[in-house]
Amino acid sequence: MATEKPQELTGWGLDDELWNTLPNGAVRDLKRFVRTGKDELAQNRIETLIEINEYRRGSTTDESTWFEASRAWEFGKNVKAIEAKEKAKAEKRAKVKARREAAEAEAEAASA
C-alpha cells in the first residue's frame, strides 16, 4: 500500500509492516475513522486486523489472502463462542446436579 499512514494509528498498535499489507477497504476505513475522530472504532478495527493477520499465510498483499484469513478468523470466533456456551451449560448442569445430590443426601439423612 503506497499511501501514507496517519500517525495516530501507530500509537494504537498498527505498525508499518501490517499497514503496507492491508487491503484497500481497511486503509480507507482507518483513514476515515481518524479523520472523523472515531478513535474507538479505529482502535477496534486495528485489533481485529491484527487478529486476522495472524491467520494469513505469507506476506503477500493479495486481498484474497485477507478474505481467506478473515473467514478463518470469523470461524475461530464462532468456535470460541460455541465452546463458551457449552462450558456455561456444563457448569450449570454441574451446579444443578450438586444441588440435587445435596437435597437427596439431606432427605436421606432426615429419614434415617
PDB file of N, CA and C in Angstrom:
ATOM      1  N   MET A   1       0.855  -1.167   0.000  1.00  0.00           N
ATOM      2  CA  MET A   1       0.000   0.000   0.000  1.00  0.00           C
ATOM      3  C   MET A   1       0.897   1.225   0.000  1.00  0.00           C
ATOM      4  N   ALA A   2       0.749   2.064  -0.993  1.00  0.00           N
ATOM      5  CA  ALA A   2       1.643   3.209  -1.155  1.00  0.00           C
ATOM      6  C   ALA A   2       1.091   4.474  -0.531  1.00  0.00           C
ATOM      7  N   THR A   3       0.110   4.374   0.305  1.00  0.00           N
ATOM      8  CA  THR A   3      -0.490   5.556   0.915  1.00  0.00           C
ATOM      9  C   THR A   3       0.101   5.803   2.303  1.00  0.00           C
ATOM     10  N   GLU A   4       0.125   7.063   2.691  1.00  0.00           N
ATOM     11  CA  GLU A   4       0.742   7.428   3.968  1.00  0.00           C
ATOM     12  C   GLU A   4      -0.180   7.075   5.131  1.00  0.00           C
ATOM     13  N   LYS A   5       0.409   6.511   6.157  1.00  0.00           N
ATOM     14  CA  LYS A   5      -0.345   6.081   7.336  1.00  0.00           C
ATOM     15  C   LYS A   5      -0.490   7.249   8.309  1.00  0.00           C
ATOM     16  N   PRO A   6      -1.718   7.519   8.772  1.00  0.00           N
ATOM     17  CA  PRO A   6      -1.889   8.546   9.800  1.00  0.00           C
ATOM     18  C   PRO A   6      -1.124   8.167  11.072  1.00  0.00           C
ATOM     19  N   GLN A   7      -0.461   9.119  11.672  1.00  0.00           N
ATOM     20  CA  GLN A   7       0.402   8.883  12.833  1.00  0.00           C
ATOM     21  C   GLN A   7      -0.356   8.269  14.016  1.00  0.00           C
ATOM     22  N   GLU A   8      -1.623   8.642  14.185  1.00  0.00           N
ATOM     23  CA  GLU A   8      -2.412   8.122  15.303  1.00  0.00           C
ATOM     24  C   GLU A   8      -2.461   6.597  15.309  1.00  0.00           C
ATOM     25  N   LEU A   9      -2.464   6.011  14.131  1.00  0.00           N
ATOM     26  CA  LEU A   9      -2.592   4.558  14.020  1.00  0.00           C
ATOM     27  C   LEU A   9      -1.401   3.836  14.636  1.00  0.00           C
ATOM     28  N   THR A  10      -0.226   4.433  14.549  1.00  0.00           N
ATOM     29  CA  THR A  10       0.964   3.836  15.162  1.00  0.00           C
ATOM     30  C   THR A  10       0.792   3.761  16.670  1.00  0.00           C
ATOM     31  N   GLY A  11       0.270   4.826  17.249  1.00  0.00           N
ATOM     32  CA  GLY A  11       0.039   4.857  18.691  1.00  0.00           C
ATOM     33  C   GLY A  11      -0.997   3.859  19.151  1.00  0.00           C
ATOM     34  N   TRP A  12      -1.834   3.413  18.245  1.00  0.00           N
ATOM     35  CA  TRP A  12      -2.874   2.439  18.584  1.00  0.00           C
ATOM     36  C   TRP A  12      -2.470   1.015  18.219  1.00  0.00           C
ATOM     37  N   GLY A  13      -1.211   0.819  17.849  1.00  0.00           N
ATOM     38  CA  GLY A  13      -0.692  -0.532  17.645  1.00  0.00           C
ATOM     39  C   GLY A  13      -0.567  -1.012  16.215  1.00  0.00           C
ATOM     40  N   LEU A  14      -0.775  -0.147  15.240  1.00  0.00           N
ATOM     41  CA  LEU A  14      -0.667  -0.561  13.839  1.00  0.00           C
ATOM     42  C   LEU A  14       0.720  -0.218  13.323  1.00  0.00           C
ATOM     43  N   ASP A  15       1.532  -1.239  13.088  1.00  0.00           N
ATOM     44  CA  ASP A  15       2.896  -0.989  12.613  1.00  0.00           C
ATOM     45  C   ASP A  15       2.929  -0.835  11.090  1.00  0.00           C
ATOM     46  N   ASP A  16       4.047  -0.337  10.599  1.00  0.00           N
ATOM     47  CA  ASP A  16       4.197  -0.086   9.156  1.00  0.00           C
ATOM     48  C   ASP A  16       4.115  -1.367   8.343  1.00  0.00           C
ATOM     49  N   GLU A  17       4.647  -2.437   8.879  1.00  0.00           N
ATOM     50  CA  GLU A  17       4.629  -3.714   8.145  1.00  0.00           C
ATOM     51  C   GLU A  17       3.192  -4.155   7.868  1.00  0.00           C
ATOM     52  N   LEU A  18       2.342  -4.112   8.894  1.00  0.00           N
ATOM     53  CA  LEU A  18       0.946  -4.502   8.693  1.00  0.00           C
ATOM     54  C   LEU A  18       0.230  -3.484   7.803  1.00  0.00           C
ATOM     55  N   TRP A  19       0.473  -2.194   8.025  1.00  0.00           N
ATOM     56  CA  TRP A  19      -0.157  -1.147   7.220  1.00  0.00           C
ATOM     57  C   TRP A  19       0.077  -1.384   5.729  1.00  0.00           C
ATOM     58  N   ASN A  20       1.285  -1.770   5.394  1.00  0.00           N
ATOM     59  CA  ASN A  20       1.639  -1.950   3.986  1.00  0.00           C
ATOM     60  C   ASN A  20       1.029  -3.183   3.349  1.00  0.00           C
ATOM     61  N   THR A  21       0.387  -4.035   4.119  1.00  0.00           N
ATOM     62  CA  THR A  21      -0.245  -5.226   3.553  1.00  0.00           C
ATOM     63  C   THR A  21      -1.767  -5.192   3.667  1.00  0.00           C
ATOM     64  N   LEU A  22      -2.317  -4.125   4.263  1.00  0.00           N
ATOM     65  CA  LEU A  22      -3.767  -4.057   4.458  1.00  0.00           C
ATOM     66  C   LEU A  22      -4.502  -3.918   3.132  1.00  0.00           C
ATOM     67  N   PRO A  23      -5.683  -4.513   3.055  1.00  0.00           N
ATOM     68  CA  PRO A  23      -6.499  -4.316   1.855  1.00  0.00           C
ATOM     69  C   PRO A  23      -6.986  -2.864   1.784  1.00  0.00           C
ATOM     70  N   ASN A  24      -7.323  -2.427   0.591  1.00  0.00           N
ATOM     71  CA  ASN A  24      -7.724  -1.038   0.365  1.00  0.00           C
ATOM     72  C   ASN A  24      -8.882  -0.603   1.257  1.00  0.00           C
ATOM     73  N   GLY A  25      -9.854  -1.470   1.449  1.00  0.00           N
ATOM     74  CA  GLY A  25     -11.009  -1.118   2.274  1.00  0.00           C
ATOM     75  C   GLY A  25     -10.627  -0.818   3.709  1.00  0.00           C
ATOM     76  N   ALA A  26      -9.714  -1.594   4.258  1.00  0.00           N
ATOM     77  CA  ALA A  26      -9.274  -1.370   5.646  1.00  0.00           C
ATOM     78  C   ALA A  26      -8.527  -0.050   5.761  1.00  0.00           C
ATOM     79  N   VAL A  27      -7.687   0.253   4.784  1.00  0.00           N
ATOM     80  CA  VAL A  27      -6.940   1.515   4.789  1.00  0.00           C
ATOM     81  C   VAL A  27      -7.918   2.685   4.721  1.00  0.00           C
ATOM     82  N   ARG A  28      -8.861   2.578   3.831  1.00  0.00           N
ATOM     83  CA  ARG A  28      -9.863   3.646   3.662  1.00  0.00           C
ATOM     84  C   ARG A  28     -10.652   3.849   4.961  1.00  0.00           C
ATOM     85  N   ASP A  29     -11.083   2.755   5.588  1.00  0.00           N
ATOM     86  CA  ASP A  29     -11.833   2.861   6.843  1.00  0.00           C
ATOM     87  C   ASP A  29     -11.006   3.497   7.944  1.00  0.00           C
ATOM     88  N   LEU A  30      -9.777   3.042   8.097  1.00  0.00           N
ATOM     89  CA  LEU A  30      -8.933   3.576   9.165  1.00  0.00           C
ATOM     90  C   LEU A  30      -8.669   5.071   8.977  1.00  0.00           C
ATOM     91  N   LYS A  31      -8.404   5.478   7.751  1.00  0.00           N
ATOM     92  CA  LYS A  31      -8.178   6.906   7.489  1.00  0.00           C
ATOM     93  C   LYS A  31      -9.433   7.721   7.796  1.00  0.00           C
ATOM     94  N   ARG A  32     -10.579   7.190   7.436  1.00  0.00           N
ATOM     95  CA  ARG A  32     -11.841   7.885   7.702  1.00  0.00           C
ATOM     96  C   ARG A  32     -12.097   7.975   9.201  1.00  0.00           C
ATOM     97  N   PHE A  33     -11.834   6.887   9.935  1.00  0.00           N
ATOM     98  CA  PHE A  33     -12.032   6.906  11.387  1.00  0.00           C
ATOM     99  C   PHE A  33     -11.156   7.973  12.042  1.00  0.00           C
ATOM    100  N   VAL A  34      -9.911   8.079  11.590  1.00  0.00           N
ATOM    101  CA  VAL A  34      -9.001   9.099  12.143  1.00  0.00           C
ATOM    102  C   VAL A  34      -9.505  10.496  11.767  1.00  0.00           C
ATOM    103  N   ARG A  35      -9.861  10.678  10.516  1.00  0.00           N
ATOM    104  CA  ARG A  35     -10.299  11.984  10.024  1.00  0.00           C
ATOM    105  C   ARG A  35     -11.566  12.469  10.740  1.00  0.00           C
ATOM    106  N   THR A  36     -12.463  11.542  11.083  1.00  0.00           N
ATOM    107  CA  THR A  36     -13.736  11.924  11.702  1.00  0.00           C
ATOM    108  C   THR A  36     -13.706  11.816  13.224  1.00  0.00           C
ATOM    109  N   GLY A  37     -12.532  11.495  13.789  1.00  0.00           N
ATOM    110  CA  GLY A  37     -12.396  11.445  15.239  1.00  0.00           C
ATOM    111  C   GLY A  37     -13.018  10.225  15.891  1.00  0.00           C
ATOM    112  N   LYS A  38     -13.208   9.167  15.144  1.00  0.00           N
ATOM    113  CA  LYS A  38     -13.795   7.941  15.689  1.00  0.00           C
ATOM    114  C   LYS A  38     -12.669   7.014  16.151  1.00  0.00           C
ATOM    115  N   ASP A  39     -11.986   7.471  17.195  1.00  0.00           N
ATOM    116  CA  ASP A  39     -10.807   6.765  17.693  1.00  0.00           C
ATOM    117  C   ASP A  39     -11.124   5.340  18.143  1.00  0.00           C
ATOM    118  N   GLU A  40     -12.232   5.178  18.844  1.00  0.00           N
ATOM    119  CA  GLU A  40     -12.565   3.842  19.354  1.00  0.00           C
ATOM    120  C   GLU A  40     -12.814   2.862  18.211  1.00  0.00           C
ATOM    121  N   LEU A  41     -13.506   3.309  17.177  1.00  0.00           N
ATOM    122  CA  LEU A  41     -13.717   2.437  16.016  1.00  0.00           C
ATOM    123  C   LEU A  41     -12.390   2.058  15.369  1.00  0.00           C
ATOM    124  N   ALA A  42     -11.509   3.040  15.251  1.00  0.00           N
ATOM    125  CA  ALA A  42     -10.198   2.771  14.655  1.00  0.00           C
ATOM    126  C   ALA A  42      -9.429   1.761  15.494  1.00  0.00           C
ATOM    127  N   GLN A  43      -9.430   1.941  16.795  1.00  0.00           N
ATOM    128  CA  GLN A  43      -8.696   1.032  17.674  1.00  0.00           C
ATOM    129  C   GLN A  43      -9.277  -0.378  17.615  1.00  0.00           C
ATOM    130  N   ASN A  44     -10.606  -0.478  17.596  1.00  0.00           N
ATOM    131  CA  ASN A  44     -11.230  -1.803  17.488  1.00  0.00           C
ATOM    132  C   ASN A  44     -10.894  -2.454  16.154  1.00  0.00           C
ATOM    133  N   ARG A  45     -10.904  -1.665  15.093  1.00  0.00           N
ATOM    134  CA  ARG A  45     -10.587  -2.210  13.758  1.00  0.00           C
ATOM    135  C   ARG A  45      -9.139  -2.689  13.715  1.00  0.00           C
ATOM    136  N   ILE A  46      -8.234  -1.931  14.327  1.00  0.00           N
ATOM    137  CA  ILE A  46      -6.824  -2.332  14.359  1.00  0.00           C
ATOM    138  C   ILE A  46      -6.669  -3.652  15.100  1.00  0.00           C
ATOM    139  N   GLU A  47      -7.331  -3.789  16.243  1.00  0.00           N
ATOM    140  CA  GLU A  47      -7.262  -5.050  16.998  1.00  0.00           C
ATOM    141  C   GLU A  47      -7.737  -6.214  16.139  1.00  0.00           C
ATOM    142  N   THR A  48      -8.839  -6.002  15.421  1.00  0.00           N
ATOM    143  CA  THR A  48      -9.371  -7.049  14.552  1.00  0.00           C
ATOM    144  C   THR A  48      -8.403  -7.371  13.423  1.00  0.00           C
ATOM    145  N   LEU A  49      -7.834  -6.346  12.805  1.00  0.00           N
ATOM    146  CA  LEU A  49      -6.888  -6.570  11.705  1.00  0.00           C
ATOM    147  C   LEU A  49      -5.648  -7.319  12.183  1.00  0.00           C
ATOM    148  N   ILE A  50      -5.191  -7.007  13.381  1.00  0.00           N
ATOM    149  CA  ILE A  50      -4.033  -7.724  13.930  1.00  0.00           C
ATOM    150  C   ILE A  50      -4.378  -9.194  14.141  1.00  0.00           C
ATOM    151  N   GLU A  51      -5.579  -9.454  14.669  1.00  0.00           N
ATOM    152  CA  GLU A  51      -6.010 -10.838  14.869  1.00  0.00           C
ATOM    153  C   GLU A  51      -6.137 -11.566  13.531  1.00  0.00           C
ATOM    154  N   ILE A  52      -6.762 -10.920  12.563  1.00  0.00           N
ATOM    155  CA  ILE A  52      -6.933 -11.547  11.243  1.00  0.00           C
ATOM    156  C   ILE A  52      -5.581 -11.811  10.610  1.00  0.00           C
ATOM    157  N   ASN A  53      -4.644 -10.894  10.782  1.00  0.00           N
ATOM    158  CA  ASN A  53      -3.315 -11.051  10.200  1.00  0.00           C
ATOM    159  C   ASN A  53      -2.631 -12.324  10.699  1.00  0.00           C
ATOM    160  N   GLU A  54      -2.946 -12.747  11.914  1.00  0.00           N
ATOM    161  CA  GLU A  54      -2.363 -13.974  12.455  1.00  0.00           C
ATOM    162  C   GLU A  54      -2.811 -15.204  11.666  1.00  0.00           C
ATOM    163  N   TYR A  55      -3.930 -15.100  10.970  1.00  0.00           N
ATOM    164  CA  TYR A  55      -4.435 -16.220  10.167  1.00  0.00           C
ATOM    165  C   TYR A  55      -3.906 -16.211   8.736  1.00  0.00           C
ATOM    166  N   ARG A  56      -3.242 -15.136   8.342  1.00  0.00           N
ATOM    167  CA  ARG A  56      -2.745 -15.042   6.971  1.00  0.00           C
ATOM    168  C   ARG A  56      -1.572 -15.968   6.758  1.00  0.00           C
ATOM    169  N   ARG A  57      -1.462 -16.441   5.532  1.00  0.00           N
ATOM    170  CA  ARG A  57      -0.323 -17.276   5.150  1.00  0.00           C
ATOM    171  C   ARG A  57       0.535 -16.473   4.197  1.00  0.00           C
ATOM    172  N   GLY A  58       1.774 -16.230   4.592  1.00  0.00           N
ATOM    173  CA  GLY A  58       2.668 -15.450   3.744  1.00  0.00           C
ATOM    174  C   GLY A  58       2.485 -13.964   3.964  1.00  0.00           C
ATOM    175  N   SER A  59       3.272 -13.180   3.277  1.00  0.00           N
ATOM    176  CA  SER A  59       3.221 -11.729   3.467  1.00  0.00           C
ATOM    177  C   SER A  59       2.715 -11.020   2.223  1.00  0.00           C
ATOM    178  N   THR A  60       2.031 -11.733   1.378  1.00  0.00           N
ATOM    179  CA  THR A  60       1.515 -11.135   0.153  1.00  0.00           C
ATOM    180  C   THR A  60       0.437 -10.101   0.452  1.00  0.00           C
ATOM    181  N   THR A  61       0.316  -9.105  -0.413  1.00  0.00           N
ATOM    182  CA  THR A  61      -0.711  -8.078  -0.234  1.00  0.00           C
ATOM    183  C   THR A  61      -1.989  -8.446  -0.980  1.00  0.00           C
ATOM    184  N   ASP A  62      -2.049  -9.624  -1.517  1.00  0.00           N
ATOM    185  CA  ASP A  62      -3.219 -10.085  -2.247  1.00  0.00           C
ATOM    186  C   ASP A  62      -4.450 -10.044  -1.340  1.00  0.00           C
ATOM    187  N   GLU A  63      -5.503  -9.350  -1.789  1.00  0.00           N
ATOM    188  CA  GLU A  63      -6.693  -9.217  -0.954  1.00  0.00           C
ATOM    189  C   GLU A  63      -7.399 -10.552  -0.741  1.00  0.00           C
ATOM    190  N   SER A  64      -7.199 -11.524  -1.621  1.00  0.00           N
ATOM    191  CA  SER A  64      -7.841 -12.826  -1.420  1.00  0.00           C
ATOM    192  C   SER A  64      -7.286 -13.513  -0.169  1.00  0.00           C
ATOM    193  N   THR A  65      -6.002 -13.284   0.140  1.00  0.00           N
ATOM    194  CA  THR A  65      -5.472 -13.889   1.368  1.00  0.00           C
ATOM    195  C   THR A  65      -6.089 -13.219   2.591  1.00  0.00           C
ATOM    196  N   TRP A  66      -6.392 -11.927   2.492  1.00  0.00           N
ATOM    197  CA  TRP A  66      -7.088 -11.251   3.592  1.00  0.00           C
ATOM    198  C   TRP A  66      -8.489 -11.808   3.736  1.00  0.00           C
ATOM    199  N   PHE A  67      -9.160 -12.053   2.614  1.00  0.00           N
ATOM    200  CA  PHE A  67     -10.509 -12.606   2.656  1.00  0.00           C
ATOM    201  C   PHE A  67     -10.487 -13.977   3.315  1.00  0.00           C
ATOM    202  N   GLU A  68      -9.563 -14.823   2.897  1.00  0.00           N
ATOM    203  CA  GLU A  68      -9.456 -16.163   3.492  1.00  0.00           C
ATOM    204  C   GLU A  68      -9.124 -16.084   4.980  1.00  0.00           C
ATOM    205  N   ALA A  69      -8.207 -15.189   5.336  1.00  0.00           N
ATOM    206  CA  ALA A  69      -7.830 -15.032   6.740  1.00  0.00           C
ATOM    207  C   ALA A  69      -9.008 -14.506   7.553  1.00  0.00           C
ATOM    208  N   SER A  70      -9.778 -13.600   6.974  1.00  0.00           N
ATOM    209  CA  SER A  70     -10.947 -13.051   7.654  1.00  0.00           C
ATOM    210  C   SER A  70     -11.979 -14.144   7.919  1.00  0.00           C
ATOM    211  N   ARG A  71     -12.185 -14.994   6.944  1.00  0.00           N
ATOM    212  CA  ARG A  71     -13.133 -16.102   7.128  1.00  0.00           C
ATOM    213  C   ARG A  71     -12.634 -17.069   8.195  1.00  0.00           C
ATOM    214  N   ALA A  72     -11.349 -17.353   8.204  1.00  0.00           N
ATOM    215  CA  ALA A  72     -10.781 -18.244   9.219  1.00  0.00           C
ATOM    216  C   ALA A  72     -10.920 -17.623  10.606  1.00  0.00           C
ATOM    217  N   TRP A  73     -10.677 -16.321  10.693  1.00  0.00           N
ATOM    218  CA  TRP A  73     -10.815 -15.603  11.967  1.00  0.00           C
ATOM    219  C   TRP A  73     -12.257 -15.662  12.472  1.00  0.00           C
ATOM    220  N   GLU A  74     -13.218 -15.408  11.565  1.00  0.00           N
ATOM    221  CA  GLU A  74     -14.639 -15.470  11.945  1.00  0.00           C
ATOM    222  C   GLU A  74     -15.012 -16.864  12.409  1.00  0.00           C
ATOM    223  N   PHE A  75     -14.533 -17.881  11.700  1.00  0.00           N
ATOM    224  CA  PHE A  75     -14.807 -19.259  12.091  1.00  0.00           C
ATOM    225  C   PHE A  75     -14.246 -19.527  13.486  1.00  0.00           C
ATOM    226  N   GLY A  76     -13.017 -19.056  13.735  1.00  0.00           N
ATOM    227  CA  GLY A  76     -12.408 -19.237  15.048  1.00  0.00           C
ATOM    228  C   GLY A  76     -13.209 -18.563  16.142  1.00  0.00           C
ATOM    229  N   LYS A  77     -13.724 -17.360  15.858  1.00  0.00           N
ATOM    230  CA  LYS A  77     -14.557 -16.657  16.846  1.00  0.00           C
ATOM    231  C   LYS A  77     -15.831 -17.435  17.110  1.00  0.00           C
ATOM    232  N   ASN A  78     -16.441 -17.987  16.058  1.00  0.00           N
ATOM    233  CA  ASN A  78     -17.666 -18.761  16.229  1.00  0.00           C
ATOM    234  C   ASN A  78     -17.408 -20.006  17.063  1.00  0.00           C
ATOM    235  N   VAL A  79     -16.308 -20.677  16.798  1.00  0.00           N
ATOM    236  CA  VAL A  79     -15.959 -21.872  17.563  1.00  0.00           C
ATOM    237  C   VAL A  79     -15.771 -21.513  19.031  1.00  0.00           C
ATOM    238  N   LYS A  80     -15.067 -20.422  19.294  1.00  0.00           N
ATOM    239  CA  LYS A  80     -14.849 -19.995  20.682  1.00  0.00           C
ATOM    240  C   LYS A  80     -16.170 -19.672  21.366  1.00  0.00           C
ATOM    241  N   ALA A  81     -17.086 -19.039  20.642  1.00  0.00           N
ATOM    242  CA  ALA A  81     -18.392 -18.701  21.222  1.00  0.00           C
ATOM    243  C   ALA A  81     -19.182 -19.967  21.550  1.00  0.00           C
ATOM    244  N   ILE A  82     -19.148 -20.933  20.651  1.00  0.00           N
ATOM    245  CA  ILE A  82     -19.842 -22.201  20.894  1.00  0.00           C
ATOM    246  C   ILE A  82     -19.230 -22.913  22.086  1.00  0.00           C
ATOM    247  N   GLU A  83     -17.912 -22.946  22.150  1.00  0.00           N
ATOM    248  CA  GLU A  83     -17.240 -23.585  23.277  1.00  0.00           C
ATOM    249  C   GLU A  83     -17.589 -22.901  24.595  1.00  0.00           C
ATOM    250  N   ALA A  84     -17.680 -21.587  24.587  1.00  0.00           N
ATOM    251  CA  ALA A  84     -18.034 -20.849  25.806  1.00  0.00           C
ATOM    252  C   ALA A  84     -19.462 -21.183  26.244  1.00  0.00           C
ATOM    253  N   LYS A  85     -20.385 -21.275  25.293  1.00  0.00           N
ATOM    254  CA  LYS A  85     -21.767 -21.637  25.615  1.00  0.00           C
ATOM    255  C   LYS A  85     -21.830 -23.049  26.188  1.00  0.00           C
ATOM    256  N   GLU A  86     -21.109 -23.965  25.556  1.00  0.00           N
ATOM    257  CA  GLU A  86     -21.110 -25.347  26.037  1.00  0.00           C
ATOM    258  C   GLU A  86     -20.520 -25.438  27.440  1.00  0.00           C
ATOM    259  N   LYS A  87     -19.476 -24.676  27.699  1.00  0.00           N
ATOM    260  CA  LYS A  87     -18.864 -24.664  29.029  1.00  0.00           C
ATOM    261  C   LYS A  87     -19.846 -24.128  30.061  1.00  0.00           C
ATOM    262  N   ALA A  88     -20.547 -23.047  29.721  1.00  0.00           N
ATOM    263  CA  ALA A  88     -21.532 -22.465  30.638  1.00  0.00           C
ATOM    264  C   ALA A  88     -22.658 -23.451  30.930  1.00  0.00           C
ATOM    265  N   LYS A  89     -23.109 -24.156  29.896  1.00  0.00           N
ATOM    266  CA  LYS A  89     -24.167 -25.162  30.094  1.00  0.00           C
ATOM    267  C   LYS A  89     -23.680 -26.287  30.990  1.00  0.00           C
ATOM    268  N   ALA A  90     -22.461 -26.742  30.768  1.00  0.00           N
ATOM    269  CA  ALA A  90     -21.904 -27.829  31.586  1.00  0.00           C
ATOM    270  C   ALA A  90     -21.776 -27.391  33.040  1.00  0.00           C
ATOM    271  N   GLU A  91     -21.342 -26.157  33.260  1.00  0.00           N
ATOM    272  CA  GLU A  91     -21.224 -25.643  34.634  1.00  0.00           C
ATOM    273  C   GLU A  91     -22.586 -25.552  35.295  1.00  0.00           C
ATOM    274  N   LYS A  92     -23.592 -25.128  34.538  1.00  0.00           N
ATOM    275  CA  LYS A  92     -24.946 -25.039  35.072  1.00  0.00           C
ATOM    276  C   LYS A  92     -25.471 -26.427  35.424  1.00  0.00           C
ATOM    277  N   ARG A  93     -25.250 -27.408  34.540  1.00  0.00           N
ATOM    278  CA  ARG A  93     -25.683 -28.784  34.816  1.00  0.00           C
ATOM    279  C   ARG A  93     -24.992 -29.329  36.060  1.00  0.00           C
ATOM    280  N   ALA A  94     -23.710 -29.016  36.223  1.00  0.00           N
ATOM    281  CA  ALA A  94     -22.966 -29.479  37.389  1.00  0.00           C
ATOM    282  C   ALA A  94     -23.534 -28.875  38.675  1.00  0.00           C
ATOM    283  N   LYS A  95     -23.897 -27.606  38.645  1.00  0.00           N
ATOM    284  CA  LYS A  95     -24.489 -26.962  39.821  1.00  0.00           C
ATOM    285  C   LYS A  95     -25.839 -27.576  40.162  1.00  0.00           C
ATOM    286  N   VAL A  96     -26.656 -27.801  39.132  1.00  0.00           N
ATOM    287  CA  VAL A  96     -27.970 -28.410  39.352  1.00  0.00           C
ATOM    288  C   VAL A  96     -27.799 -29.799  39.945  1.00  0.00           C
ATOM    289  N   LYS A  97     -26.872 -30.566  39.399  1.00  0.00           N
ATOM    290  CA  LYS A  97     -26.622 -31.912  39.906  1.00  0.00           C
ATOM    291  C   LYS A  97     -26.141 -31.864  41.354  1.00  0.00           C
ATOM    292  N   ALA A  98     -25.259 -30.949  41.679  1.00  0.00           N
ATOM    293  CA  ALA A  98     -24.747 -30.835  43.051  1.00  0.00           C
ATOM    294  C   ALA A  98     -25.871 -30.467  44.010  1.00  0.00           C
ATOM    295  N   ARG A  99     -26.761 -29.543  43.605  1.00  0.00           N
ATOM    296  CA  ARG A  99     -27.899 -29.180  44.469  1.00  0.00           C
ATOM    297  C   ARG A  99     -28.830 -30.365  44.663  1.00  0.00           C
ATOM    298  N   ARG A 100     -29.095 -31.094  43.571  1.00  0.00           N
ATOM    299  CA  ARG A 100     -29.976 -32.256  43.654  1.00  0.00           C
ATOM    300  C   ARG A 100     -29.389 -33.314  44.577  1.00  0.00           C
ATOM    301  N   GLU A 101     -28.104 -33.589  44.420  1.00  0.00           N
ATOM    302  CA  GLU A 101     -27.453 -34.594  45.270  1.00  0.00           C
ATOM    303  C   GLU A 101     -27.433 -34.145  46.729  1.00  0.00           C
ATOM    304  N   ALA A 102     -27.246 -32.857  46.964  1.00  0.00           N
ATOM    305  CA  ALA A 102     -27.258 -32.346  48.339  1.00  0.00           C
ATOM    306  C   ALA A 102     -28.646 -32.481  48.937  1.00  0.00           C
ATOM    307  N   ALA A 103     -29.680 -32.192  48.148  1.00  0.00           N
ATOM    308  CA  ALA A 103     -31.060 -32.329  48.631  1.00  0.00           C
ATOM    309  C   ALA A 103     -31.385 -33.789  48.919  1.00  0.00           C
ATOM    310  N   GLU A 104     -30.932 -34.672  48.034  1.00  0.00           N
ATOM    311  CA  GLU A 104     -31.161 -36.112  48.262  1.00  0.00           C
ATOM    312  C   GLU A 104     -30.445 -36.589  49.517  1.00  0.00           C
ATOM    313  N   ALA A 105     -29.231 -36.121  49.725  1.00  0.00           N
ATOM    314  CA  ALA A 105     -28.470 -36.510  50.916  1.00  0.00           C
ATOM    315  C   ALA A 105     -29.155 -35.983  52.179  1.00  0.00           C
ATOM    316  N   GLU A 106     -29.691 -34.760  52.118  1.00  0.00           N
ATOM    317  CA  GLU A 106     -30.410 -34.198  53.257  1.00  0.00           C
ATOM    318  C   GLU A 106     -31.652 -35.006  53.568  1.00  0.00           C
ATOM    319  N   ALA A 107     -32.363 -35.359  52.505  1.00  0.00           N
ATOM    320  CA  ALA A 107     -33.590 -36.132  52.688  1.00  0.00           C
ATOM    321  C   ALA A 107     -33.276 -37.504  53.267  1.00  0.00           C
ATOM    322  N   GLU A 108     -32.227 -38.088  52.802  1.00  0.00           N
ATOM    323  CA  GLU A 108     -31.812 -39.408  53.288  1.00  0.00           C
ATOM    324  C   GLU A 108     -31.394 -39.335  54.752  1.00  0.00           C
ATOM    325  N   ALA A 109     -30.660 -38.275  55.103  1.00  0.00           N
ATOM    326  CA  ALA A 109     -30.211 -38.092  56.492  1.00  0.00           C
ATOM    327  C   ALA A 109     -31.410 -37.820  57.402  1.00  0.00           C
ATOM    328  N   ALA A 110     -32.400 -37.101  56.933  1.00  0.00           N
ATOM    329  CA  ALA A 110     -33.560 -36.783  57.737  1.00  0.00           C
ATOM    330  C   ALA A 110     -34.428 -38.022  57.974  1.00  0.00           C
ATOM    331  N   SER A 111     -34.447 -38.937  57.022  1.00  0.00           N
ATOM    332  CA  SER A 111     -35.283 -40.132  57.168  1.00  0.00           C
ATOM    333  C   SER A 111     -34.594 -41.222  57.971  1.00  0.00           C
ATOM    334  N   ALA A 112     -33.305 -41.071  58.200  1.00  0.00           N
ATOM    335  CA  ALA A 112     -32.585 -42.106  58.932  1.00  0.00           C
ATOM    336  C   ALA A 112     -32.684 -41.969  60.410  1.00  0.00           C
TER     337      ALA A 112
END
